[in-house]
N, C-alpha and C. Protein backbone atom coordinates (compact mmCIF):
# COMPACT_ATOMS: atom_id res chain seq x y z
N MET A 1 -5.88 3.73 27.06
CA MET A 1 -5.86 5.13 26.67
C MET A 1 -4.69 5.84 27.34
N THR A 2 -4.12 6.80 26.62
CA THR A 2 -3.04 7.60 27.20
C THR A 2 -3.64 8.76 27.96
N ARG A 3 -2.81 9.53 28.63
CA ARG A 3 -3.30 10.69 29.38
C ARG A 3 -4.00 11.70 28.49
N SER A 4 -3.59 11.76 27.21
CA SER A 4 -4.21 12.71 26.28
C SER A 4 -5.57 12.23 25.79
N GLY A 5 -5.95 10.99 26.16
CA GLY A 5 -7.23 10.46 25.73
C GLY A 5 -7.16 9.67 24.44
N ASN A 6 -5.97 9.61 23.82
CA ASN A 6 -5.79 8.86 22.58
C ASN A 6 -5.42 7.42 22.89
N PRO A 7 -5.81 6.49 22.01
CA PRO A 7 -5.36 5.11 22.19
C PRO A 7 -3.84 5.06 22.07
N PRO A 8 -3.19 4.13 22.75
CA PRO A 8 -1.74 4.05 22.65
C PRO A 8 -1.29 3.61 21.26
N LEU A 9 -0.14 4.10 20.84
CA LEU A 9 0.43 3.66 19.56
C LEU A 9 1.06 2.30 19.75
N LEU A 10 0.87 1.44 18.77
CA LEU A 10 1.57 0.18 18.77
C LEU A 10 3.00 0.44 18.31
N SER A 11 3.88 -0.47 18.55
CA SER A 11 5.27 -0.31 18.16
C SER A 11 5.37 -0.11 16.65
N CYS A 12 6.31 0.72 16.22
CA CYS A 12 6.52 0.91 14.79
C CYS A 12 7.86 0.34 14.35
N ARG A 13 8.43 -0.55 15.15
CA ARG A 13 9.65 -1.22 14.75
C ARG A 13 9.32 -2.32 13.74
N LYS A 14 10.34 -2.74 13.01
CA LYS A 14 10.16 -3.82 12.04
C LYS A 14 10.02 -5.14 12.78
N PRO A 15 9.23 -6.07 12.24
CA PRO A 15 9.13 -7.39 12.87
C PRO A 15 10.50 -8.06 12.92
N ARG A 16 10.72 -8.82 13.96
CA ARG A 16 11.97 -9.55 14.12
C ARG A 16 11.68 -11.04 14.17
N LEU A 17 12.67 -11.82 13.80
CA LEU A 17 12.55 -13.27 13.87
C LEU A 17 12.17 -13.66 15.28
N GLY A 18 11.15 -14.46 15.43
CA GLY A 18 10.70 -14.89 16.74
C GLY A 18 9.53 -14.09 17.30
N ASP A 19 9.17 -12.98 16.63
CA ASP A 19 8.00 -12.22 17.08
C ASP A 19 6.76 -13.10 17.01
N THR A 20 5.90 -12.99 17.98
CA THR A 20 4.67 -13.77 17.97
C THR A 20 3.46 -12.92 17.63
N LYS A 21 3.61 -11.60 17.68
CA LYS A 21 2.50 -10.70 17.37
C LYS A 21 2.89 -9.80 16.21
N PRO A 22 1.92 -9.44 15.32
CA PRO A 22 2.24 -8.52 14.23
C PRO A 22 2.58 -7.14 14.78
N VAL A 23 3.45 -6.43 14.09
CA VAL A 23 3.87 -5.09 14.48
C VAL A 23 3.33 -4.12 13.45
N ALA A 24 2.71 -3.02 13.89
CA ALA A 24 2.18 -2.04 12.95
C ALA A 24 2.26 -0.65 13.57
N ALA A 25 2.41 0.37 12.73
CA ALA A 25 2.49 1.75 13.21
C ALA A 25 1.13 2.41 13.06
N ILE A 26 0.14 1.92 13.78
CA ILE A 26 -1.21 2.47 13.73
C ILE A 26 -1.77 2.54 15.14
N ARG A 27 -2.84 3.26 15.31
CA ARG A 27 -3.47 3.34 16.62
C ARG A 27 -4.21 2.02 16.89
N ALA A 28 -4.21 1.61 18.14
CA ALA A 28 -4.79 0.32 18.52
C ALA A 28 -6.28 0.24 18.20
N SER A 29 -6.96 1.38 18.10
CA SER A 29 -8.40 1.35 17.85
C SER A 29 -8.75 1.16 16.38
N ASN A 30 -7.77 1.30 15.48
CA ASN A 30 -8.03 1.15 14.05
C ASN A 30 -8.07 -0.33 13.66
N TYR A 31 -8.83 -0.62 12.60
CA TYR A 31 -8.88 -1.97 12.06
C TYR A 31 -7.55 -2.29 11.40
N VAL A 32 -7.03 -3.46 11.64
CA VAL A 32 -5.77 -3.89 11.03
C VAL A 32 -6.02 -5.12 10.19
N ASP A 33 -5.66 -5.06 8.92
CA ASP A 33 -5.72 -6.22 8.05
C ASP A 33 -4.34 -6.86 8.11
N THR A 34 -4.22 -7.93 8.87
CA THR A 34 -2.92 -8.55 9.09
C THR A 34 -2.34 -9.17 7.81
N PHE A 35 -3.13 -9.25 6.75
CA PHE A 35 -2.62 -9.74 5.47
C PHE A 35 -1.40 -8.93 5.05
N TYR A 36 -1.42 -7.63 5.32
CA TYR A 36 -0.32 -6.76 4.89
C TYR A 36 0.96 -6.97 5.69
N LEU A 37 0.91 -7.81 6.68
CA LEU A 37 2.11 -8.17 7.46
C LEU A 37 2.60 -9.57 7.11
N SER A 38 1.94 -10.21 6.14
CA SER A 38 2.24 -11.61 5.82
C SER A 38 3.34 -11.76 4.77
N ASP A 39 3.93 -12.94 4.73
CA ASP A 39 4.93 -13.26 3.71
C ASP A 39 4.30 -13.25 2.32
N THR A 40 3.04 -13.65 2.23
CA THR A 40 2.33 -13.65 0.95
C THR A 40 2.28 -12.24 0.37
N TRP A 41 1.91 -11.25 1.21
CA TRP A 41 1.84 -9.86 0.75
C TRP A 41 3.22 -9.36 0.37
N ARG A 42 4.22 -9.68 1.17
CA ARG A 42 5.58 -9.22 0.85
C ARG A 42 6.02 -9.75 -0.51
N ALA A 43 5.68 -11.00 -0.81
CA ALA A 43 6.04 -11.59 -2.11
C ALA A 43 5.28 -10.90 -3.25
N LEU A 44 3.97 -10.68 -3.08
CA LEU A 44 3.17 -10.00 -4.11
C LEU A 44 3.68 -8.58 -4.33
N ARG A 45 3.98 -7.89 -3.23
CA ARG A 45 4.48 -6.51 -3.30
C ARG A 45 5.78 -6.49 -4.11
N GLY A 46 6.67 -7.42 -3.84
CA GLY A 46 7.94 -7.49 -4.57
C GLY A 46 7.73 -7.76 -6.05
N GLN A 47 6.80 -8.66 -6.38
CA GLN A 47 6.52 -8.98 -7.78
C GLN A 47 5.95 -7.76 -8.51
N ALA A 48 5.04 -7.03 -7.85
CA ALA A 48 4.45 -5.84 -8.47
C ALA A 48 5.51 -4.76 -8.69
N MET A 49 6.37 -4.55 -7.70
CA MET A 49 7.43 -3.55 -7.82
C MET A 49 8.38 -3.91 -8.96
N GLN A 50 8.76 -5.19 -9.06
CA GLN A 50 9.65 -5.61 -10.14
C GLN A 50 8.98 -5.42 -11.49
N ARG A 51 7.70 -5.82 -11.59
CA ARG A 51 6.97 -5.67 -12.86
C ARG A 51 6.95 -4.20 -13.30
N ASP A 52 6.76 -3.30 -12.33
CA ASP A 52 6.65 -1.87 -12.63
C ASP A 52 8.01 -1.17 -12.60
N ARG A 53 9.07 -1.96 -12.49
CA ARG A 53 10.45 -1.47 -12.48
C ARG A 53 10.69 -0.43 -11.38
N PHE A 54 10.03 -0.65 -10.24
CA PHE A 54 10.20 0.19 -9.05
C PHE A 54 9.90 1.66 -9.33
N SER A 55 9.02 1.92 -10.31
CA SER A 55 8.62 3.28 -10.67
C SER A 55 7.13 3.45 -10.50
N CYS A 56 6.71 4.67 -10.19
CA CYS A 56 5.29 4.98 -10.10
C CYS A 56 4.63 4.76 -11.46
N VAL A 57 3.45 4.14 -11.46
CA VAL A 57 2.78 3.81 -12.73
C VAL A 57 1.89 4.92 -13.27
N ILE A 58 1.79 6.03 -12.57
CA ILE A 58 0.92 7.12 -13.03
C ILE A 58 1.59 7.83 -14.21
N MET A 59 0.81 8.02 -15.26
CA MET A 59 1.29 8.64 -16.49
C MET A 59 1.94 9.99 -16.19
N GLY A 60 3.17 10.17 -16.70
CA GLY A 60 3.89 11.43 -16.52
C GLY A 60 4.75 11.47 -15.27
N CYS A 61 4.64 10.49 -14.41
CA CYS A 61 5.42 10.46 -13.17
C CYS A 61 6.63 9.54 -13.36
N SER A 62 7.79 10.02 -12.95
CA SER A 62 8.99 9.19 -13.04
C SER A 62 9.60 8.95 -11.66
N ASN A 63 8.82 9.21 -10.60
CA ASN A 63 9.31 9.01 -9.24
C ASN A 63 9.44 7.53 -8.91
N ARG A 64 10.31 7.23 -7.97
CA ARG A 64 10.49 5.86 -7.49
C ARG A 64 9.25 5.44 -6.71
N ALA A 65 8.77 4.24 -6.95
CA ALA A 65 7.60 3.71 -6.23
C ALA A 65 7.98 3.42 -4.79
N LYS A 66 7.08 3.73 -3.88
CA LYS A 66 7.28 3.47 -2.46
C LYS A 66 6.27 2.48 -1.92
N VAL A 67 5.10 2.38 -2.55
CA VAL A 67 4.04 1.51 -2.06
C VAL A 67 3.42 0.73 -3.21
N VAL A 68 2.76 -0.37 -2.86
CA VAL A 68 1.96 -1.12 -3.83
C VAL A 68 0.52 -0.99 -3.36
N ASP A 69 -0.34 -0.59 -4.29
CA ASP A 69 -1.73 -0.27 -3.99
C ASP A 69 -2.65 -1.21 -4.76
N HIS A 70 -3.79 -1.55 -4.16
CA HIS A 70 -4.83 -2.29 -4.88
C HIS A 70 -5.64 -1.30 -5.70
N ARG A 71 -5.81 -1.57 -6.99
CA ARG A 71 -6.66 -0.70 -7.81
C ARG A 71 -8.10 -0.74 -7.28
N VAL A 72 -8.61 -1.93 -7.08
CA VAL A 72 -9.91 -2.13 -6.42
C VAL A 72 -9.57 -2.65 -5.03
N PRO A 73 -9.88 -1.87 -3.99
CA PRO A 73 -9.50 -2.27 -2.63
C PRO A 73 -10.06 -3.63 -2.22
N ARG A 74 -9.31 -4.32 -1.38
CA ARG A 74 -9.73 -5.64 -0.89
C ARG A 74 -11.08 -5.54 -0.21
N ARG A 75 -11.31 -4.50 0.54
CA ARG A 75 -12.58 -4.40 1.28
C ARG A 75 -13.77 -4.15 0.36
N HIS A 76 -13.49 -3.84 -0.91
CA HIS A 76 -14.57 -3.68 -1.90
C HIS A 76 -14.58 -4.84 -2.88
N GLY A 77 -13.96 -5.95 -2.49
CA GLY A 77 -13.99 -7.15 -3.33
C GLY A 77 -12.81 -7.29 -4.27
N GLY A 78 -11.84 -6.38 -4.21
CA GLY A 78 -10.67 -6.47 -5.07
C GLY A 78 -9.80 -7.66 -4.72
N SER A 79 -9.20 -8.25 -5.72
CA SER A 79 -8.37 -9.44 -5.50
C SER A 79 -6.92 -9.04 -5.21
N ASP A 80 -6.14 -10.02 -4.82
CA ASP A 80 -4.71 -9.82 -4.60
C ASP A 80 -3.91 -10.23 -5.83
N ALA A 81 -4.58 -10.38 -6.96
CA ALA A 81 -3.89 -10.74 -8.21
C ALA A 81 -3.01 -9.58 -8.65
N LEU A 82 -1.90 -9.90 -9.29
CA LEU A 82 -0.99 -8.85 -9.76
C LEU A 82 -1.67 -7.85 -10.68
N THR A 83 -2.69 -8.28 -11.40
CA THR A 83 -3.41 -7.37 -12.29
C THR A 83 -4.18 -6.30 -11.52
N ASN A 84 -4.41 -6.52 -10.22
CA ASN A 84 -5.12 -5.54 -9.40
C ASN A 84 -4.15 -4.71 -8.54
N LEU A 85 -2.86 -4.91 -8.72
CA LEU A 85 -1.87 -4.19 -7.93
C LEU A 85 -1.11 -3.21 -8.80
N ARG A 86 -0.74 -2.07 -8.21
CA ARG A 86 0.05 -1.07 -8.93
C ARG A 86 1.04 -0.43 -7.97
N SER A 87 2.17 -0.03 -8.50
CA SER A 87 3.23 0.61 -7.71
C SER A 87 3.04 2.13 -7.81
N LEU A 88 3.11 2.80 -6.66
CA LEU A 88 2.90 4.25 -6.61
C LEU A 88 4.01 4.93 -5.82
N CYS A 89 4.32 6.16 -6.21
CA CYS A 89 5.23 6.99 -5.42
C CYS A 89 4.44 7.51 -4.21
N ALA A 90 5.12 8.10 -3.25
CA ALA A 90 4.47 8.60 -2.04
C ALA A 90 3.42 9.66 -2.38
N HIS A 91 3.73 10.54 -3.34
CA HIS A 91 2.78 11.60 -3.71
C HIS A 91 1.49 11.02 -4.27
N HIS A 92 1.59 10.13 -5.24
CA HIS A 92 0.38 9.58 -5.85
C HIS A 92 -0.36 8.63 -4.92
N ASP A 93 0.34 7.99 -4.01
CA ASP A 93 -0.34 7.19 -3.00
C ASP A 93 -1.23 8.09 -2.15
N ALA A 94 -0.72 9.25 -1.75
CA ALA A 94 -1.51 10.19 -0.94
C ALA A 94 -2.70 10.74 -1.74
N VAL A 95 -2.47 11.06 -3.02
CA VAL A 95 -3.54 11.61 -3.87
C VAL A 95 -4.64 10.58 -4.10
N LEU A 96 -4.27 9.31 -4.23
CA LEU A 96 -5.23 8.27 -4.56
C LEU A 96 -5.84 7.57 -3.35
N LYS A 97 -5.52 8.01 -2.15
CA LYS A 97 -6.12 7.40 -0.96
C LYS A 97 -7.65 7.50 -1.05
N GLU A 98 -8.31 6.48 -0.52
CA GLU A 98 -9.76 6.48 -0.49
C GLU A 98 -10.28 7.56 0.45
N THR A 99 -11.37 8.18 0.06
CA THR A 99 -12.06 9.11 0.94
C THR A 99 -12.99 8.29 1.83
N PRO A 100 -13.54 8.88 2.89
CA PRO A 100 -14.43 8.12 3.76
C PRO A 100 -15.61 7.46 3.03
N ASP A 101 -16.05 8.04 1.91
CA ASP A 101 -17.17 7.43 1.17
C ASP A 101 -16.70 6.33 0.22
N GLY A 102 -15.39 6.04 0.20
CA GLY A 102 -14.87 4.95 -0.62
C GLY A 102 -14.45 5.37 -2.01
N SER A 103 -14.60 6.65 -2.37
CA SER A 103 -14.22 7.09 -3.71
C SER A 103 -12.73 7.41 -3.77
N ARG A 104 -12.20 7.44 -4.99
CA ARG A 104 -10.80 7.77 -5.23
C ARG A 104 -10.70 8.72 -6.40
N ALA A 105 -9.61 9.47 -6.46
CA ALA A 105 -9.34 10.32 -7.61
C ALA A 105 -9.02 9.42 -8.80
N ALA A 106 -9.34 9.88 -9.99
CA ALA A 106 -9.03 9.12 -11.21
C ALA A 106 -7.74 9.65 -11.81
N MET A 107 -6.83 8.75 -12.16
CA MET A 107 -5.56 9.12 -12.79
C MET A 107 -5.24 8.09 -13.85
N THR A 108 -4.56 8.51 -14.89
CA THR A 108 -4.18 7.61 -15.97
C THR A 108 -2.87 6.93 -15.65
N GLU A 109 -2.85 5.60 -15.78
CA GLU A 109 -1.64 4.84 -15.55
C GLU A 109 -0.93 4.59 -16.87
N ARG A 110 0.40 4.49 -16.79
CA ARG A 110 1.16 4.14 -18.00
C ARG A 110 0.97 2.65 -18.27
N PRO A 111 1.18 2.20 -19.49
CA PRO A 111 1.03 0.79 -19.81
C PRO A 111 1.98 -0.08 -18.99
N VAL A 112 1.52 -1.27 -18.63
CA VAL A 112 2.34 -2.21 -17.86
C VAL A 112 3.62 -2.50 -18.64
N GLY A 113 4.74 -2.42 -17.96
CA GLY A 113 6.03 -2.71 -18.58
C GLY A 113 6.70 -1.50 -19.20
N SER A 114 6.01 -0.38 -19.32
CA SER A 114 6.60 0.82 -19.89
C SER A 114 7.63 1.39 -18.91
N THR A 115 8.75 1.82 -19.41
CA THR A 115 9.80 2.37 -18.53
C THR A 115 9.77 3.88 -18.48
N HIS A 116 8.92 4.50 -19.25
CA HIS A 116 8.88 5.95 -19.31
C HIS A 116 7.63 6.48 -18.62
N GLY A 117 7.74 7.68 -18.07
CA GLY A 117 6.62 8.30 -17.39
C GLY A 117 5.68 9.01 -18.33
N TYR A 118 5.69 8.67 -19.61
CA TYR A 118 4.76 9.30 -20.56
C TYR A 118 4.14 8.28 -21.46
């Protein structure tokens, strides 16, 4: 614990060749799914971004995608299949975050492969 009573922050630097421990920008007391630090996730994330042409998949949005999100979260039984992954801009990622009860806002996605935000 720090003097303020908060758990210490883990390093938020990018992993480097030779690192033996995963690096994450979260508080030490939070649960960490190390899958998101794996080469497998990086490959899936890249495939989803390419499929979605690096654009947010929400209908009407033409922003550049920043994150890849599971439509059905892993902790609720969602798979890591590309059909369960979607690319989102920072705004829609924040809007679609799960609430503590596990619910999410509903939004319409554009068809897979569509290049337009409508």
